[in-house]
PDB file of N, CA and C in Angstrom:
ATOM      1  N   MET A   1       0.903  -1.202  -0.380  1.00  0.00           N
ATOM      2  CA  MET A   1      -0.187   0.076  -0.182  1.00  0.00           C
ATOM      3  C   MET A   1       1.110   1.519   0.119  1.00  0.00           C
ATOM      4  N   THR A   2       0.769   2.467  -0.858  1.00  0.00           N
ATOM      5  CA  THR A   2       1.329   3.257  -1.197  1.00  0.00           C
ATOM      6  C   THR A   2       0.667   4.793  -0.353  1.00  0.00           C
ATOM      7  N   LEU A   3       1.476   5.116   0.542  1.00  0.00           N
ATOM      8  CA  LEU A   3       1.282   6.537   1.603  1.00  0.00           C
ATOM      9  C   LEU A   3       0.652   7.427   0.978  1.00  0.00           C
ATOM     10  N   PRO A   4      -0.014   8.849   1.253  1.00  0.00           N
ATOM     11  CA  PRO A   4      -0.059   9.904   0.753  1.00  0.00           C
ATOM     12  C   PRO A   4       0.955  10.423   0.954  1.00  0.00           C
ATOM     13  N   ASP A   5       1.639  11.457   0.286  1.00  0.00           N
ATOM     14  CA  ASP A   5       2.135  12.396   0.643  1.00  0.00           C
ATOM     15  C   ASP A   5       2.141  13.484   1.411  1.00  0.00           C
ATOM     16  N   VAL A   6       2.366  14.318   2.516  1.00  0.00           N
ATOM     17  CA  VAL A   6       2.442  14.625   2.956  1.00  0.00           C
ATOM     18  C   VAL A   6       1.683  16.136   2.556  1.00  0.00           C
ATOM     19  N   LYS A   7       2.121  16.864   1.050  1.00  0.00           N
ATOM     20  CA  LYS A   7       1.193  17.864   0.723  1.00  0.00           C
ATOM     21  C   LYS A   7      -0.154  17.138   0.098  1.00  0.00           C
ATOM     22  N   GLU A   8      -0.530  15.814   0.498  1.00  0.00           N
ATOM     23  CA  GLU A   8      -2.208  15.243   0.012  1.00  0.00           C
ATOM     24  C   GLU A   8      -2.305  15.690   1.185  1.00  0.00           C
ATOM     25  N   LEU A   9      -2.186  15.518   2.489  1.00  0.00           N
ATOM     26  CA  LEU A   9      -2.642  15.248   3.480  1.00  0.00           C
ATOM     27  C   LEU A   9      -3.725  16.496   4.069  1.00  0.00           C
ATOM     28  N   SER A  10      -5.285  16.022   4.070  1.00  0.00           N
ATOM     29  CA  SER A  10      -6.084  17.285   4.580  1.00  0.00           C
ATOM     30  C   SER A  10      -5.893  17.850   5.796  1.00  0.00           C
ATOM     31  N   ARG A  11      -6.380  18.762   5.974  1.00  0.00           N
ATOM     32  CA  ARG A  11      -6.045  19.545   7.285  1.00  0.00           C
ATOM     33  C   ARG A  11      -6.305  18.363   8.692  1.00  0.00           C
ATOM     34  N   GLU A  12      -7.295  17.891   8.767  1.00  0.00           N
ATOM     35  CA  GLU A  12      -7.875  16.879   9.537  1.00  0.00           C
ATOM     36  C   GLU A  12      -6.763  15.839  10.017  1.00  0.00           C
ATOM     37  N   GLU A  13      -6.056  15.400   8.585  1.00  0.00           N
ATOM     38  CA  GLU A  13      -5.292  14.351   8.184  1.00  0.00           C
ATOM     39  C   GLU A  13      -4.187  15.018   8.778  1.00  0.00           C
ATOM     40  N   LEU A  14      -3.660  15.557   8.650  1.00  0.00           N
ATOM     41  CA  LEU A  14      -2.273  16.653   9.407  1.00  0.00           C
ATOM     42  C   LEU A  14      -2.307  17.155  10.300  1.00  0.00           C
ATOM     43  N   GLN A  15      -3.509  17.325  11.296  1.00  0.00           N
ATOM     44  CA  GLN A  15      -3.407  17.615  12.322  1.00  0.00           C
ATOM     45  C   GLN A  15      -3.262  16.331  13.343  1.00  0.00           C
ATOM     46  N   ASN A  16      -4.113  15.102  12.581  1.00  0.00           N
ATOM     47  CA  ASN A  16      -4.227  13.924  13.525  1.00  0.00           C
ATOM     48  C   ASN A  16      -2.528  13.121  13.808  1.00  0.00           C
ATOM     49  N   VAL A  17      -1.750  13.232  12.485  1.00  0.00           N
ATOM     50  CA  VAL A  17      -0.692  12.683  12.378  1.00  0.00           C
ATOM     51  C   VAL A  17       0.044  13.263  13.782  1.00  0.00           C
ATOM     52  N   ILE A  18       0.236  15.147  13.749  1.00  0.00           N
ATOM     53  CA  ILE A  18       1.133  15.597  14.007  1.00  0.00           C
ATOM     54  C   ILE A  18       0.636  15.040  15.993  1.00  0.00           C
ATOM     55  N   LEU A  19      -0.574  15.104  16.138  1.00  0.00           N
ATOM     56  CA  LEU A  19      -0.983  14.716  17.799  1.00  0.00           C
ATOM     57  C   LEU A  19      -0.137  13.104  17.760  1.00  0.00           C
ATOM     58  N   ARG A  20      -0.616  12.322  16.950  1.00  0.00           N
ATOM     59  CA  ARG A  20       0.257  10.969  17.142  1.00  0.00           C
ATOM     60  C   ARG A  20       1.681  10.725  17.065  1.00  0.00           C
ATOM     61  N   MET A  21       2.535  11.940  16.828  1.00  0.00           N
ATOM     62  CA  MET A  21       4.289  12.172  16.322  1.00  0.00           C
ATOM     63  C   MET A  21       3.924  12.722  18.235  1.00  0.00           C
ATOM     64  N   GLN A  22       3.199  13.408  18.651  1.00  0.00           N
ATOM     65  CA  GLN A  22       3.763  13.894  19.641  1.00  0.00           C
ATOM     66  C   GLN A  22       3.820  13.033  20.595  1.00  0.00           C
ATOM     67  N   GLU A  23       3.079  11.925  20.565  1.00  0.00           N
ATOM     68  CA  GLU A  23       2.907  11.086  22.077  1.00  0.00           C
ATOM     69  C   GLU A  23       4.242  10.145  22.136  1.00  0.00           C
ATOM     70  N   MET A  24       4.726  10.320  20.786  1.00  0.00           N
ATOM     71  CA  MET A  24       5.792   9.764  21.051  1.00  0.00           C
ATOM     72  C   MET A  24       7.123  10.097  21.088  1.00  0.00           C
ATOM     73  N   LEU A  25       6.825  11.891  21.479  1.00  0.00           N
ATOM     74  CA  LEU A  25       8.260  12.120  21.262  1.00  0.00           C
ATOM     75  C   LEU A  25       8.751  12.475  22.730  1.00  0.00           C
ATOM     76  N   SER A  26      10.467  12.787  23.191  1.00  0.00           N
ATOM     77  CA  SER A  26      10.452  12.879  24.385  1.00  0.00           C
ATOM     78  C   SER A  26       9.991  14.585  24.612  1.00  0.00           C
ATOM     79  N   GLU A  27      10.536  15.020  26.047  1.00  0.00           N
ATOM     80  CA  GLU A  27      10.221  16.532  26.382  1.00  0.00           C
ATOM     81  C   GLU A  27      11.218  17.213  25.697  1.00  0.00           C
ATOM     82  N   GLU A  28      12.407  16.632  25.433  1.00  0.00           N
ATOM     83  CA  GLU A  28      13.154  18.128  24.470  1.00  0.00           C
ATOM     84  C   GLU A  28      12.860  18.045  23.281  1.00  0.00           C
ATOM     85  N   GLN A  29      11.952  16.639  22.426  1.00  0.00           N
ATOM     86  CA  GLN A  29      11.871  16.641  20.954  1.00  0.00           C
ATOM     87  C   GLN A  29      10.310  17.447  21.326  1.00  0.00           C
ATOM     88  N   LYS A  30       9.401  17.955  22.150  1.00  0.00           N
ATOM     89  CA  LYS A  30       8.381  18.458  22.325  1.00  0.00           C
ATOM     90  C   LYS A  30       8.357  19.947  22.411  1.00  0.00           C
ATOM     91  N   GLN A  31       9.547  20.499  23.054  1.00  0.00           N
ATOM     92  CA  GLN A  31       9.792  21.537  23.035  1.00  0.00           C
ATOM     93  C   GLN A  31      10.130  22.053  21.967  1.00  0.00           C
ATOM     94  N   SER A  32      11.038  21.267  21.048  1.00  0.00           N
ATOM     95  CA  SER A  32      11.256  21.627  19.376  1.00  0.00           C
ATOM     96  C   SER A  32      10.251  21.539  18.710  1.00  0.00           C
ATOM     97  N   LEU A  33       9.115  21.014  18.662  1.00  0.00           N
ATOM     98  CA  LEU A  33       8.035  20.865  17.740  1.00  0.00           C
ATOM     99  C   LEU A  33       6.925  21.719  18.416  1.00  0.00           C
ATOM    100  N   GLN A  34       7.359  22.468  19.387  1.00  0.00           N
ATOM    101  CA  GLN A  34       6.641  24.120  19.780  1.00  0.00           C
ATOM    102  C   GLN A  34       7.115  25.123  19.537  1.00  0.00           C
ATOM    103  N   GLU A  35       8.778  24.996  19.307  1.00  0.00           N
ATOM    104  CA  GLU A  35       9.782  25.907  18.522  1.00  0.00           C
ATOM    105  C   GLU A  35       8.972  26.241  17.029  1.00  0.00           C
ATOM    106  N   ILE A  36       9.107  24.655  16.500  1.00  0.00           N
ATOM    107  CA  ILE A  36       8.907  25.087  15.316  1.00  0.00           C
ATOM    108  C   ILE A  36       6.875  25.531  14.958  1.00  0.00           C
ATOM    109  N   MET A  37       6.512  25.008  15.870  1.00  0.00           N
ATOM    110  CA  MET A  37       4.509  25.567  15.662  1.00  0.00           C
ATOM    111  C   MET A  37       5.028  26.835  15.581  1.00  0.00           C
ATOM    112  N   ARG A  38       5.205  27.301  16.553  1.00  0.00           N
ATOM    113  CA  ARG A  38       5.631  29.245  16.822  1.00  0.00           C
ATOM    114  C   ARG A  38       6.197  29.511  15.839  1.00  0.00           C
ATOM    115  N   LYS A  39       7.039  29.185  15.153  1.00  0.00           N
ATOM    116  CA  LYS A  39       7.629  29.587  13.703  1.00  0.00           C
ATOM    117  C   LYS A  39       6.740  29.569  12.535  1.00  0.00           C
ATOM    118  N   CYS A  40       5.869  28.511  12.472  1.00  0.00           N
ATOM    119  CA  CYS A  40       4.845  28.503  11.442  1.00  0.00           C
ATOM    120  C   CYS A  40       3.756  28.971  11.445  1.00  0.00           C
ATOM    121  N   THR A  41       3.424  29.238  12.726  1.00  0.00           N
ATOM    122  CA  THR A  41       1.560  29.783  12.821  1.00  0.00           C
ATOM    123  C   THR A  41       1.898  31.367  12.734  1.00  0.00           C
ATOM    124  N   LYS A  42       0.490  32.464  12.805  1.00  0.00           N
ATOM    125  CA  LYS A  42       0.868  33.443  13.036  1.00  0.00           C
ATOM    126  C   LYS A  42       1.196  34.102  13.889  1.00  0.00           C
ATOM    127  N   PRO A  43       2.439  35.424  14.176  1.00  0.00           N
ATOM    128  CA  PRO A  43       2.295  36.081  15.291  1.00  0.00           C
ATOM    129  C   PRO A  43       1.024  36.230  16.151  1.00  0.00           C
ATOM    130  N   ASP A  44       1.425  36.417  17.632  1.00  0.00           N
ATOM    131  CA  ASP A  44       0.806  36.876  18.304  1.00  0.00           C
ATOM    132  C   ASP A  44       0.008  38.058  18.110  1.00  0.00           C
ATOM    133  N   VAL A  45      -1.389  38.391  18.311  1.00  0.00           N
ATOM    134  CA  VAL A  45      -2.226  40.056  17.886  1.00  0.00           C
ATOM    135  C   VAL A  45      -1.466  40.381  19.032  1.00  0.00           C
ATOM    136  N   ASP A  46      -1.063  41.846  18.942  1.00  0.00           N
ATOM    137  CA  ASP A  46      -0.908  43.040  20.143  1.00  0.00           C
ATOM    138  C   ASP A  46      -1.953  43.074  21.001  1.00  0.00           C
ATOM    139  N   GLU A  47      -1.905  42.512  22.721  1.00  0.00           N
ATOM    140  CA  GLU A  47      -2.919  42.841  23.978  1.00  0.00           C
ATOM    141  C   GLU A  47      -3.633  44.133  23.378  1.00  0.00           C
ATOM    142  N   THR A  48      -2.998  44.487  22.727  1.00  0.00           N
ATOM    143  CA  THR A  48      -3.905  46.729  23.536  1.00  0.00           C
ATOM    144  C   THR A  48      -4.602  46.590  21.727  1.00  0.00           C
ATOM    145  N   SER A  49      -4.152  46.202  20.270  1.00  0.00           N
ATOM    146  CA  SER A  49      -5.053  46.454  19.689  1.00  0.00           C
ATOM    147  C   SER A  49      -6.259  45.639  19.595  1.00  0.00           C
ATOM    148  N   GLN A  50      -7.556  45.836  19.178  1.00  0.00           N
ATOM    149  CA  GLN A  50      -8.304  44.898  19.234  1.00  0.00           C
ATOM    150  C   GLN A  50      -8.344  44.591  17.589  1.00  0.00           C
ATOM    151  N   PRO A  51      -9.220  43.316  17.676  1.00  0.00           N
ATOM    152  CA  PRO A  51      -8.797  42.369  15.940  1.00  0.00           C
ATOM    153  C   PRO A  51      -9.786  42.794  15.749  1.00  0.00           C
ATOM    154  N   GLU A  52     -10.307  42.936  13.954  1.00  0.00           N
ATOM    155  CA  GLU A  52     -10.408  43.698  12.852  1.00  0.00           C
ATOM    156  C   GLU A  52     -12.239  42.651  13.371  1.00  0.00           C
ATOM    157  N   GLN A  53     -12.708  43.536  13.102  1.00  0.00           N
ATOM    158  CA  GLN A  53     -14.193  42.219  12.719  1.00  0.00           C
ATOM    159  C   GLN A  53     -14.524  41.889  11.527  1.00  0.00           C
ATOM    160  N   SER A  54     -14.322  41.045  11.164  1.00  0.00           N
ATOM    161  CA  SER A  54     -14.694  40.686   9.752  1.00  0.00           C
ATOM    162  C   SER A  54     -15.905  40.930   9.154  1.00  0.00           C
ATOM    163  N   ARG A  55     -17.333  40.562  10.037  1.00  0.00           N
ATOM    164  CA  ARG A  55     -18.395  41.236   9.508  1.00  0.00           C
ATOM    165  C   ARG A  55     -19.329  42.287  10.072  1.00  0.00           C
ATOM    166  N   MET A  56     -19.942  42.547   9.091  1.00  0.00           N
ATOM    167  CA  MET A  56     -20.871  43.985   9.374  1.00  0.00           C
ATOM    168  C   MET A  56     -21.746  43.002  10.562  1.00  0.00           C
ATOM    169  N   SER A  57     -22.191  43.987  11.630  1.00  0.00           N
ATOM    170  CA  SER A  57     -23.552  43.403  12.814  1.00  0.00           C
ATOM    171  C   SER A  57     -24.485  43.790  11.912  1.00  0.00           C
ATOM    172  N   GLN A  58     -25.087  43.413  12.495  1.00  0.00           N
ATOM    173  CA  GLN A  58     -27.171  43.064  11.794  1.00  0.00           C
ATOM    174  C   GLN A  58     -27.331  44.239  11.994  1.00  0.00           C
ATOM    175  N   GLU A  59     -27.094  44.807  12.993  1.00  0.00           N
ATOM    176  CA  GLU A  59     -28.014  46.321  13.380  1.00  0.00           C
ATOM    177  C   GLU A  59     -27.182  47.757  11.850  1.00  0.00           C
ATOM    178  N   LEU A  60     -25.882  47.097  12.105  1.00  0.00           N
ATOM    179  CA  LEU A  60     -25.585  48.286  10.529  1.00  0.00           C
ATOM    180  C   LEU A  60     -25.694  47.487   9.143  1.00  0.00           C
ATOM    181  N   VAL A  61     -26.290  46.203   8.907  1.00  0.00           N
ATOM    182  CA  VAL A  61     -27.064  46.061   7.761  1.00  0.00           C
ATOM    183  C   VAL A  61     -28.228  46.481   7.745  1.00  0.00           C
ATOM    184  N   GLU A  62     -28.782  46.356   8.813  1.00  0.00           N
ATOM    185  CA  GLU A  62     -30.429  47.019   8.876  1.00  0.00           C
ATOM    186  C   GLU A  62     -30.551  48.565   8.162  1.00  0.00           C
ATOM    187  N   GLU A  63     -29.251  49.086   9.150  1.00  0.00           N
ATOM    188  CA  GLU A  63     -29.539  50.682   8.870  1.00  0.00           C
ATOM    189  C   GLU A  63     -29.315  51.091   7.129  1.00  0.00           C
ATOM    190  N   LYS A  64     -27.880  50.151   6.718  1.00  0.00           N
ATOM    191  CA  LYS A  64     -27.432  49.948   5.441  1.00  0.00           C
ATOM    192  C   LYS A  64     -29.062  50.155   4.170  1.00  0.00           C
ATOM    193  N   MET A  65     -29.569  49.183   4.341  1.00  0.00           N
ATOM    194  CA  MET A  65     -30.409  48.747   3.821  1.00  0.00           C
ATOM    195  C   MET A  65     -31.817  49.631   3.882  1.00  0.00           C
ATOM    196  N   ARG A  66     -31.966  50.447   5.137  1.00  0.00           N
ATOM    197  CA  ARG A  66     -32.797  51.144   5.310  1.00  0.00           C
ATOM    198  C   ARG A  66     -32.718  52.527   4.094  1.00  0.00           C
ATOM    199  N   GLN A  67     -31.475  52.720   4.166  1.00  0.00           N
ATOM    200  CA  GLN A  67     -30.458  53.877   3.607  1.00  0.00           C
ATOM    201  C   GLN A  67     -31.101  54.394   1.849  1.00  0.00           C
ATOM    202  N   ILE A  68     -30.674  52.741   1.699  1.00  0.00           N
ATOM    203  CA  ILE A  68     -31.131  51.930   0.080  1.00  0.00           C
ATOM    204  C   ILE A  68     -31.926  51.915  -0.530  1.00  0.00           C
ATOM    205  N   GLN A  69     -33.117  51.707   0.871  1.00  0.00           N
ATOM    206  CA  GLN A  69     -34.504  52.053   0.321  1.00  0.00           C
ATOM    207  C   GLN A  69     -35.031  53.036   0.051  1.00  0.00           C
ATOM    208  N   LYS A  70     -34.341  54.135   1.132  1.00  0.00           N
ATOM    209  CA  LYS A  70     -34.639  55.658   1.084  1.00  0.00           C
ATOM    210  C   LYS A  70     -34.802  56.239  -0.360  1.00  0.00           C
ATOM    211  N   TRP A  71     -33.614  55.994  -0.491  1.00  0.00           N
ATOM    212  CA  TRP A  71     -32.489  55.983  -2.141  1.00  0.00           C
ATOM    213  C   TRP A  71     -34.048  56.208  -3.450  1.00  0.00           C
ATOM    214  N   GLN A  72     -34.033  54.752  -3.070  1.00  0.00           N
ATOM    215  CA  GLN A  72     -34.608  53.885  -4.135  1.00  0.00           C
ATOM    216  C   GLN A  72     -35.762  54.722  -4.328  1.00  0.00           C
ATOM    217  N   GLU A  73     -36.402  55.030  -3.041  1.00  0.00           N
ATOM    218  CA  GLU A  73     -37.557  55.536  -3.019  1.00  0.00           C
ATOM    219  C   GLU A  73     -37.567  57.260  -3.995  1.00  0.00           C
ATOM    220  N   LYS A  74     -36.662  57.716  -3.917  1.00  0.00           N
ATOM    221  CA  LYS A  74     -36.304  59.398  -4.354  1.00  0.00           C
ATOM    222  C   LYS A  74     -35.965  59.071  -5.492  1.00  0.00           C
ATOM    223  N   ILE A  75     -35.218  57.624  -6.144  1.00  0.00           N
ATOM    224  CA  ILE A  75     -34.714  57.826  -7.426  1.00  0.00           C
ATOM    225  C   ILE A  75     -35.827  57.526  -8.114  1.00  0.00           C
ATOM    226  N   ASP A  76     -37.038  56.592  -7.512  1.00  0.00           N
ATOM    227  CA  ASP A  76     -38.347  56.723  -8.365  1.00  0.00           C
ATOM    228  C   ASP A  76     -38.931  57.697  -8.298  1.00  0.00           C
ATOM    229  N   GLU A  77     -39.094  58.792  -7.435  1.00  0.00           N
ATOM    230  CA  GLU A  77     -39.767  60.080  -7.617  1.00  0.00           C
ATOM    231  C   GLU A  77     -38.999  61.530  -8.323  1.00  0.00           C
ATOM    232  N   GLY A  78     -38.147  60.849  -8.726  1.00  0.00           N
ATOM    233  CA  GLY A  78     -37.877  61.504  -9.281  1.00  0.00           C
ATOM    234  C   GLY A  78     -37.020  62.760  -8.770  1.00  0.00           C
ATOM    235  N   GLU A  79     -36.573  62.672  -7.388  1.00  0.00           N
ATOM    236  CA  GLU A  79     -36.003  63.405  -6.145  1.00  0.00           C
ATOM    237  C   GLU A  79     -34.441  63.473  -6.742  1.00  0.00           C
ATOM    238  N   ILE A  80     -33.637  62.306  -6.459  1.00  0.00           N
ATOM    239  CA  ILE A  80     -32.077  62.119  -6.879  1.00  0.00           C
ATOM    240  C   ILE A  80     -31.648  61.755  -8.456  1.00  0.00           C
ATOM    241  N   TYR A  81     -31.308  62.103  -8.920  1.00  0.00           N
ATOM    242  CA  TYR A  81     -30.546  61.452 -10.069  1.00  0.00           C
ATOM    243  C   TYR A  81     -29.169  61.774 -10.725  1.00  0.00           C
ATOM    244  N   LEU A  82     -28.753  61.326 -11.454  1.00  0.00           N
ATOM    245  CA  LEU A  82     -27.339  61.831 -12.004  1.00  0.00           C
ATOM    246  C   LEU A  82     -26.951  62.222 -13.343  1.00  0.00           C
ATOM    247  N   ASN A  83     -26.856  63.153 -13.345  1.00  0.00           N
ATOM    248  CA  ASN A  83     -26.661  64.344 -14.968  1.00  0.00           C
ATOM    249  C   ASN A  83     -25.940  63.757 -15.967  1.00  0.00           C
ATOM    250  N   THR A  84     -26.578  63.743 -16.940  1.00  0.00           N
ATOM    251  CA  THR A  84     -25.877  62.903 -18.170  1.00  0.00           C
ATOM    252  C   THR A  84     -25.364  63.754 -18.602  1.00  0.00           C
ATOM    253  N   GLU A  85     -24.421  63.593 -19.977  1.00  0.00           N
ATOM    254  CA  GLU A  85     -23.853  64.142 -21.286  1.00  0.00           C
ATOM    255  C   GLU A  85     -23.514  63.494 -22.261  1.00  0.00           C
ATOM    256  N   GLU A  86     -24.277  63.654 -23.350  1.00  0.00           N
ATOM    257  CA  GLU A  86     -23.669  62.735 -24.908  1.00  0.00           C
ATOM    258  C   GLU A  86     -22.862  63.514 -25.569  1.00  0.00           C
ATOM    259  N   TYR A  87     -21.983  63.319 -26.345  1.00  0.00           N
ATOM    260  CA  TYR A  87     -21.660  63.888 -27.553  1.00  0.00           C
ATOM    261  C   TYR A  87     -21.048  62.961 -28.092  1.00  0.00           C
ATOM    262  N   GLU A  88     -20.621  63.386 -30.068  1.00  0.00           N
ATOM    263  CA  GLU A  88     -19.820  62.596 -30.565  1.00  0.00           C
ATOM    264  C   GLU A  88     -18.417  63.017 -30.480  1.00  0.00           C
ATOM    265  N   ASP A  89     -17.329  62.231 -30.367  1.00  0.00           N
ATOM    266  CA  ASP A  89     -16.119  62.203 -29.969  1.00  0.00           C
ATOM    267  C   ASP A  89     -15.845  61.685 -31.358  1.00  0.00           C
ATOM    268  N   TYR A  90     -14.951  62.831 -32.220  1.00  0.00           N
ATOM    269  CA  TYR A  90     -14.458  62.739 -33.989  1.00  0.00           C
ATOM    270  C   TYR A  90     -13.039  62.442 -33.436  1.00  0.00           C
ATOM    271  N   SER A  91     -12.219  62.448 -32.551  1.00  0.00           N
ATOM    272  CA  SER A  91     -10.880  62.175 -32.380  1.00  0.00           C
ATOM    273  C   SER A  91     -10.551  60.548 -33.662  1.00  0.00           C
ATOM    274  N   SER A  92     -10.963  59.997 -33.941  1.00  0.00           N
ATOM    275  CA  SER A  92     -10.520  58.669 -34.567  1.00  0.00           C
ATOM    276  C   SER A  92     -10.279  59.019 -36.302  1.00  0.00           C
ATOM    277  N   GLY A  93     -11.354  60.401 -36.352  1.00  0.00           N
ATOM    278  CA  GLY A  93     -12.113  60.983 -37.681  1.00  0.00           C
ATOM    279  C   GLY A  93     -13.168  61.009 -38.144  1.00  0.00           C
ATOM    280  N   TYR A  94     -13.064  62.063 -38.824  1.00  0.00           N
ATOM    281  CA  TYR A  94     -14.486  62.429 -39.355  1.00  0.00           C
ATOM    282  C   TYR A  94     -15.974  61.152 -39.013  1.00  0.00           C
ATOM    283  N   TRP A  95     -15.332  60.366 -40.213  1.00  0.00           N
ATOM    284  CA  TRP A  95     -16.010  58.574 -40.201  1.00  0.00           C
ATOM    285  C   TRP A  95     -16.458  58.184 -39.259  1.00  0.00           C
ATOM    286  N   ASP A  96     -15.409  58.271 -38.099  1.00  0.00           N
ATOM    287  CA  ASP A  96     -15.266  57.176 -36.897  1.00  0.00           C
ATOM    288  C   ASP A  96     -15.804  57.821 -36.040  1.00  0.00           C
ATOM    289  N   ALA A  97     -17.198  58.687 -36.088  1.00  0.00           N
ATOM    290  CA  ALA A  97     -17.049  58.880 -35.151  1.00  0.00           C
ATOM    291  C   ALA A  97     -17.724  58.193 -33.902  1.00  0.00           C
ATOM    292  N   ASP A  98     -17.102  58.093 -32.058  1.00  0.00           N
ATOM    293  CA  ASP A  98     -17.923  57.324 -31.171  1.00  0.00           C
ATOM    294  C   ASP A  98     -18.800  58.313 -30.493  1.00  0.00           C
ATOM    295  N   TRP A  99     -20.216  57.863 -29.915  1.00  0.00           N
ATOM    296  CA  TRP A  99     -20.623  58.381 -28.997  1.00  0.00           C
ATOM    297  C   TRP A  99     -20.153  58.314 -27.494  1.00  0.00           C
ATOM    298  N   ILE A 100     -19.983  58.622 -26.799  1.00  0.00           N
ATOM    299  CA  ILE A 100     -19.259  58.841 -25.363  1.00  0.00           C
ATOM    300  C   ILE A 100     -20.053  59.921 -24.944  1.00  0.00           C
ATOM    301  N   THR A 101     -21.041  58.961 -23.672  1.00  0.00           N
ATOM    302  CA  THR A 101     -21.558  59.436 -22.232  1.00  0.00           C
ATOM    303  C   THR A 101     -20.836  59.912 -21.437  1.00  0.00           C
ATOM    304  N   GLU A 102     -21.290  60.805 -20.989  1.00  0.00           N
ATOM    305  CA  GLU A 102     -20.674  61.234 -19.438  1.00  0.00           C
ATOM    306  C   GLU A 102     -21.324  61.230 -18.321  1.00  0.00           C
ATOM    307  N   TYR A 103     -21.028  60.593 -17.163  1.00  0.00           N
ATOM    308  CA  TYR A 103     -22.213  60.695 -16.273  1.00  0.00           C
ATOM    309  C   TYR A 103     -21.796  61.868 -14.786  1.00  0.00           C
ATOM    310  N   TYR A 104     -22.519  62.397 -14.085  1.00  0.00           N
ATOM    311  CA  TYR A 104     -22.499  63.824 -13.175  1.00  0.00           C
ATOM    312  C   TYR A 104     -23.025  63.392 -11.738  1.00  0.00           C
ATOM    313  N   ASP A 105     -22.683  63.468 -10.546  1.00  0.00           N
ATOM    314  CA  ASP A 105     -23.153  63.205  -9.201  1.00  0.00           C
ATOM    315  C   ASP A 105     -23.530  64.184  -9.028  1.00  0.00           C
ATOM    316  N   ASN A 106     -23.936  65.414  -9.603  1.00  0.00           N
ATOM    317  CA  ASN A 106     -24.259  66.924  -8.604  1.00  0.00           C
ATOM    318  C   ASN A 106     -24.541  66.408  -7.498  1.00  0.00           C
ATOM    319  N   GLN A 107     -25.793  65.634  -7.325  1.00  0.00           N
ATOM    320  CA  GLN A 107     -26.497  65.522  -5.688  1.00  0.00           C
ATOM    321  C   GLN A 107     -25.719  64.416  -4.635  1.00  0.00           C
ATOM    322  N   GLY A 108     -24.989  64.068  -5.295  1.00  0.00           N
ATOM    323  CA  GLY A 108     -23.461  62.970  -4.489  1.00  0.00           C
ATOM    324  C   GLY A 108     -24.545  61.824  -3.984  1.00  0.00           C
ATOM    325  N   VAL A 109     -24.864  61.260  -4.752  1.00  0.00           N
ATOM    326  CA  VAL A 109     -25.622  59.825  -4.982  1.00  0.00           C
ATOM    327  C   VAL A 109     -24.534  59.001  -4.592  1.00  0.00           C
ATOM    328  N   GLY A 110     -23.286  58.363  -5.149  1.00  0.00           N
ATOM    329  CA  GLY A 110     -22.147  57.987  -5.554  1.00  0.00           C
ATOM    330  C   GLY A 110     -21.862  58.182  -3.627  1.00  0.00           C
ATOM    331  N   ASP A 111     -22.091  58.881  -2.603  1.00  0.00           N
ATOM    332  CA  ASP A 111     -21.032  59.539  -1.914  1.00  0.00           C
ATOM    333  C   ASP A 111     -22.075  58.520  -0.300  1.00  0.00           C
TER     334      ASP A 111
END
C-alpha cells in the first residue's frame, strides 16, 4: 500500500499525524516541536489592539438597507438622479465618430 505524500493530506489528517507523533516524542523533542509551531503560525496579535471585525453587525446591515430603500424611493420619485452628457467624439476621424456618455453625480448619490 502506497502512503500519500504529506502535501496531499487534509488538514484533519495532518492534525491527527501531529497528535500521534507528539505522543511518541521526548520532552526535549516536544519543546522543539513547539518552537517549530511558533515559527509556522501567525504571530500573536498585540494585546492592546482590537481584532478586526470580519463581518458587519446585523444592526449596521439593517441601517444600510434602510438608507438604500430611502434612496430607491427618491430615485423612483425623481428627487435624486445622475446628470448625463452625450456627444460625438471625432478624434479617430470624421467618419469614425463614437458616442461618448459622461455621468455627473451633482447630487452626491455615489457618496
